[in-house]
Amino acid sequence: FVFASGDISLEAELLELGADGEVWLAFAGEVSPYEIGETPLPPYIRRDAPFALDASRYQTVYAREPGSVAAPTAGLHLGESLLDALAERGVAREEIVLHVGPGTFRPLRHEDLEAGRLHTEPFSLSEQTARSVATARARGGRVVAVGTTTARVLESCAAPGRLVSARSGVTDLFLRPGCEFRVVDALLTNFHLPRSSLLLLVAAFAGRERVLSAYAEALRSGYRFFSYGDAMLVL
């Protein structure tokens, strides 16, 4: 394959076609894909041309490692000033890594529900984060997950006593109604697409009726949905 943008071109060799539609390529030469690539946006955001500010607007202020094909959109609501205000109130913040995969946008399939497994995503939870969760528990504090992706990692690393174990790997955890949350006490999340794994996770945490009620109120009040939309805090 040859990718071109203006005077820049980039060659790539096809390595593998994944079962869920992923394409694995090996790039050749010194040109970086970041020089000609565009910010990956959700499929429901349609534009004739890329918007230059997407690279900064569709990104959290605490992003560090490249690898995701989507932003953890609950985190888009947290700017530096809000994070500083939370720190001043004694709210500890720890970071995890989860590279959001393209499956996050895919509607649920019947075989997903039957197998009880979802698309896989690589993650890493550090010793520091595990210690911070243990400290919060010892003080009677709560663990608040910013986004469904964070909730998925925390529950993938769940340990006895509502703690977490430091771990790196790949998760296929499917949190849906009937599942028990062993770590997360509260969840900050956006309003998600119907028939999505993200919405099922929220329903599993909050309860189906509460979620339906919240979404009905959001529609009545003109809340914005999806990635650039509003959020709700589930306690």
Protein backbone atom coordinates (compact mmCIF):
# COMPACT_ATOMS: atom_id res chain seq x y z
CA PHE A 1 0.00 0.00 0.00
CA VAL A 2 1.03 3.61 -0.57
CA PHE A 3 -0.51 6.42 1.47
CA ALA A 4 -0.07 9.96 0.19
CA SER A 5 -0.85 13.44 1.45
CA GLY A 6 0.40 16.37 -0.58
CA ASP A 7 4.09 15.81 -1.28
CA ILE A 8 4.46 13.15 1.42
CA SER A 9 3.99 9.45 0.73
CA LEU A 10 4.28 6.43 2.98
CA GLU A 11 4.61 2.76 2.05
CA ALA A 12 3.14 -0.04 4.12
CA GLU A 13 3.01 -3.83 3.95
CA LEU A 14 -0.18 -5.68 4.89
CA LEU A 15 0.62 -8.08 7.73
CA GLU A 16 -2.73 -9.33 8.93
CA LEU A 17 -6.49 -8.88 8.70
CA GLY A 18 -8.06 -9.26 12.13
CA ALA A 19 -11.26 -11.15 12.82
CA ASP A 20 -13.01 -7.95 13.92
CA GLY A 21 -11.96 -5.91 10.89
CA GLU A 22 -8.61 -4.66 12.15
CA VAL A 23 -5.83 -4.21 9.61
CA TRP A 24 -2.21 -4.64 10.73
CA LEU A 25 0.39 -2.82 8.64
CA ALA A 26 4.18 -2.48 8.74
CA PHE A 27 5.32 0.97 7.63
CA ALA A 28 8.58 1.45 5.76
CA GLY A 29 10.83 4.49 5.49
CA GLU A 30 11.41 7.46 7.74
CA VAL A 31 8.06 9.21 7.30
CA SER A 32 5.84 8.90 10.35
CA PRO A 33 2.16 7.97 9.91
CA TYR A 34 1.42 10.94 12.18
CA GLU A 35 2.65 13.28 9.42
CA ILE A 36 -0.09 12.30 6.98
CA GLY A 37 -2.69 10.69 9.21
CA GLU A 38 -5.85 12.25 10.58
CA THR A 39 -7.36 12.15 14.06
CA PRO A 40 -9.60 9.06 14.27
CA LEU A 41 -13.13 10.17 15.08
CA PRO A 42 -16.27 8.18 15.89
CA PRO A 43 -18.15 7.04 12.76
CA TYR A 44 -21.15 9.24 13.59
CA ILE A 45 -19.02 12.41 13.23
CA ARG A 46 -19.11 13.05 9.50
CA ARG A 47 -17.21 15.87 7.84
CA ASP A 48 -16.11 16.62 4.30
CA ALA A 49 -12.63 17.51 5.55
CA PRO A 50 -10.73 16.94 8.80
CA PHE A 51 -10.94 19.68 11.40
CA ALA A 52 -7.49 20.75 12.59
CA LEU A 53 -8.62 21.29 16.17
CA ASP A 54 -9.84 17.69 16.50
CA ALA A 55 -6.29 16.65 17.40
CA SER A 56 -6.51 18.71 20.58
CA ARG A 57 -10.25 18.79 21.26
CA TYR A 58 -10.76 15.05 20.86
CA GLN A 59 -8.12 14.34 23.49
CA THR A 60 -7.92 14.45 27.26
CA VAL A 61 -5.53 16.86 28.98
CA TYR A 62 -3.86 13.90 30.72
CA ALA A 63 -3.24 11.74 27.62
CA ARG A 64 0.29 10.32 27.52
CA GLU A 65 0.79 7.17 25.47
CA PRO A 66 -0.35 6.83 21.83
CA GLY A 67 -2.31 3.72 20.92
CA SER A 68 -6.05 4.36 21.19
CA VAL A 69 -8.33 4.81 18.19
CA ALA A 70 -10.74 6.84 20.33
CA ALA A 71 -10.58 9.22 23.26
CA PRO A 72 -11.98 8.17 26.64
CA THR A 73 -14.68 10.78 26.25
CA ALA A 74 -15.72 11.10 29.90
CA GLY A 75 -12.27 12.57 30.46
CA LEU A 76 -12.92 15.37 27.96
CA HIS A 77 -14.93 17.11 30.69
CA LEU A 78 -11.90 17.37 32.97
CA GLY A 79 -9.69 20.38 32.29
CA GLU A 80 -6.58 21.37 34.21
CA SER A 81 -8.46 23.87 36.39
CA LEU A 82 -11.05 21.27 37.44
CA LEU A 83 -8.36 18.69 38.17
CA ASP A 84 -6.50 21.27 40.29
CA ALA A 85 -9.71 22.09 42.18
CA LEU A 86 -10.30 18.40 42.91
CA ALA A 87 -6.72 18.03 44.15
CA GLU A 88 -7.18 21.00 46.48
CA ARG A 89 -10.18 19.21 47.99
CA GLY A 90 -8.07 16.15 48.69
CA VAL A 91 -9.25 14.01 45.78
CA ALA A 92 -6.40 11.73 44.71
CA ARG A 93 -6.00 11.02 41.00
CA GLU A 94 -4.27 8.01 39.49
CA GLU A 95 -3.74 7.16 35.85
CA ILE A 96 -4.13 3.89 34.02
CA VAL A 97 -3.52 2.95 30.40
CA LEU A 98 -6.11 1.39 28.13
CA HIS A 99 -5.80 1.60 24.36
CA VAL A 100 -9.38 1.93 23.16
CA GLY A 101 -9.97 -0.34 20.18
CA PRO A 102 -12.24 0.07 17.14
CA GLY A 103 -14.67 -2.42 18.66
CA THR A 104 -15.89 0.30 21.01
CA PHE A 105 -17.91 1.74 18.09
CA ARG A 106 -19.25 -1.58 16.84
CA PRO A 107 -22.87 -2.46 17.60
CA LEU A 108 -23.23 -5.53 19.75
CA ARG A 109 -23.60 -8.83 17.92
CA HIS A 110 -25.59 -11.86 19.00
CA GLU A 111 -22.41 -13.91 19.26
CA ASP A 112 -20.93 -11.32 21.65
CA LEU A 113 -23.85 -11.81 24.01
CA GLU A 114 -23.68 -15.60 23.74
CA ALA A 115 -19.93 -15.77 24.33
CA GLY A 116 -19.97 -13.16 27.09
CA ARG A 117 -16.80 -11.62 25.68
CA LEU A 118 -16.02 -8.40 23.85
CA HIS A 119 -13.32 -7.02 21.58
CA THR A 120 -9.91 -7.07 23.26
CA GLU A 121 -8.02 -3.98 24.39
CA PRO A 122 -4.50 -3.72 25.88
CA PHE A 123 -4.16 -2.11 29.29
CA SER A 124 -1.75 -1.43 32.13
CA LEU A 125 -2.43 -0.69 35.80
CA SER A 126 0.62 0.30 37.86
CA GLU A 127 1.72 -0.60 41.38
CA GLN A 128 1.22 3.05 42.32
CA THR A 129 -2.43 2.95 41.24
CA ALA A 130 -2.98 -0.31 43.13
CA ARG A 131 -1.49 1.25 46.28
CA SER A 132 -3.64 4.36 45.86
CA VAL A 133 -6.82 2.25 45.67
CA ALA A 134 -5.75 0.39 48.82
CA THR A 135 -5.12 3.71 50.62
CA ALA A 136 -8.54 5.01 49.60
CA ARG A 137 -10.20 1.85 50.90
CA ALA A 138 -8.33 2.06 54.22
CA ARG A 139 -9.57 5.62 54.70
CA GLY A 140 -13.14 4.76 53.79
CA GLY A 141 -12.88 6.54 50.44
CA ARG A 142 -14.48 5.70 47.12
CA VAL A 143 -13.07 4.73 43.74
CA VAL A 144 -14.55 6.87 40.96
CA ALA A 145 -13.95 5.63 37.42
CA VAL A 146 -13.73 8.36 34.80
CA GLY A 147 -15.26 6.58 31.83
CA THR A 148 -16.32 3.07 30.89
CA THR A 149 -12.79 2.28 29.70
CA THR A 150 -11.40 3.00 33.16
CA ALA A 151 -14.14 0.90 34.74
CA ARG A 152 -13.25 -1.99 32.44
CA VAL A 153 -9.59 -1.90 33.46
CA LEU A 154 -10.32 -1.60 37.19
CA GLU A 155 -12.72 -4.54 37.11
CA SER A 156 -10.26 -6.55 35.00
CA CYS A 157 -7.71 -6.09 37.80
CA ALA A 158 -10.12 -6.70 40.69
CA ALA A 159 -8.68 -8.35 43.79
CA PRO A 160 -10.27 -9.48 47.08
CA GLY A 161 -11.32 -6.70 49.44
CA ARG A 162 -12.45 -4.38 46.63
CA LEU A 163 -8.81 -3.78 45.76
CA VAL A 164 -6.91 -4.05 42.46
CA SER A 165 -3.74 -5.85 41.45
CA ALA A 166 -1.06 -4.20 39.33
CA ARG A 167 -1.28 -5.85 35.95
CA SER A 168 -0.59 -5.38 32.24
CA GLY A 169 -2.18 -7.38 29.48
CA VAL A 170 -5.24 -7.59 27.28
CA THR A 171 -8.83 -7.58 28.50
CA ASP A 172 -11.94 -9.03 26.90
CA LEU A 173 -14.12 -8.38 29.96
CA PHE A 174 -17.79 -7.83 29.09
CA LEU A 175 -19.58 -5.91 31.84
CA ARG A 176 -23.33 -6.23 31.33
CA PRO A 177 -26.47 -6.45 33.49
CA GLY A 178 -26.03 -9.22 36.01
CA CYS A 179 -22.31 -8.59 36.49
CA GLU A 180 -20.98 -7.55 39.89
CA PHE A 181 -18.68 -4.53 40.14
CA ARG A 182 -15.95 -5.37 42.65
CA VAL A 183 -13.91 -2.15 42.55
CA VAL A 184 -15.79 0.82 41.08
CA ASP A 185 -17.97 2.84 43.48
CA ALA A 186 -18.98 5.69 41.16
CA LEU A 187 -18.83 6.26 37.41
CA LEU A 188 -18.50 9.42 35.31
CA THR A 189 -19.68 8.64 31.79
CA ASN A 190 -21.14 10.21 28.68
CA PHE A 191 -24.50 9.35 27.10
CA HIS A 192 -23.82 6.44 24.77
CA LEU A 193 -25.17 4.94 21.57
CA PRO A 194 -28.01 2.41 21.85
CA ARG A 195 -27.14 -1.28 21.37
CA SER A 196 -23.54 -0.61 22.44
CA SER A 197 -21.33 -2.39 24.95
CA LEU A 198 -20.73 0.97 26.67
CA LEU A 199 -24.42 1.44 27.38
CA LEU A 200 -24.69 -2.11 28.71
CA LEU A 201 -21.81 -1.42 31.09
CA VAL A 202 -23.59 1.67 32.42
CA ALA A 203 -26.83 -0.30 32.79
CA ALA A 204 -24.94 -3.00 34.67
CA PHE A 205 -23.55 -0.44 37.09
CA ALA A 206 -26.56 1.82 37.58
CA GLY A 207 -29.45 -0.52 36.84
CA ARG A 208 -31.57 -0.59 33.70
CA GLU A 209 -34.47 1.47 35.05
CA ARG A 210 -32.24 4.21 36.43
CA VAL A 211 -30.42 4.48 33.11
CA LEU A 212 -33.67 4.65 31.13
CA SER A 213 -34.89 7.37 33.49
CA ALA A 214 -31.65 9.33 33.17
CA TYR A 215 -31.69 9.12 29.37
CA ALA A 216 -35.32 10.21 29.25
CA GLU A 217 -34.49 13.24 31.40
CA ALA A 218 -31.48 14.00 29.20
CA LEU A 219 -33.70 14.00 26.11
CA ARG A 220 -36.30 16.23 27.78
CA SER A 221 -33.64 18.68 28.95
CA GLY A 222 -31.76 18.87 25.65
CA TYR A 223 -28.56 17.23 26.83
CA ARG A 224 -25.98 16.43 24.17
CA PHE A 225 -25.17 12.79 23.50
CA PHE A 226 -22.10 10.79 22.46
CA SER A 227 -18.42 11.78 22.32
CA TYR A 228 -18.68 15.57 22.30
CA GLY A 229 -21.76 15.49 24.51
CA ASP A 230 -22.63 15.84 28.17
CA ALA A 231 -21.87 13.45 31.00
CA MET A 232 -23.55 12.00 34.05
CA LEU A 233 -22.10 10.96 37.41
CA VAL A 234 -23.55 7.67 38.65
CA LEU A 235 -23.22 7.34 42.43
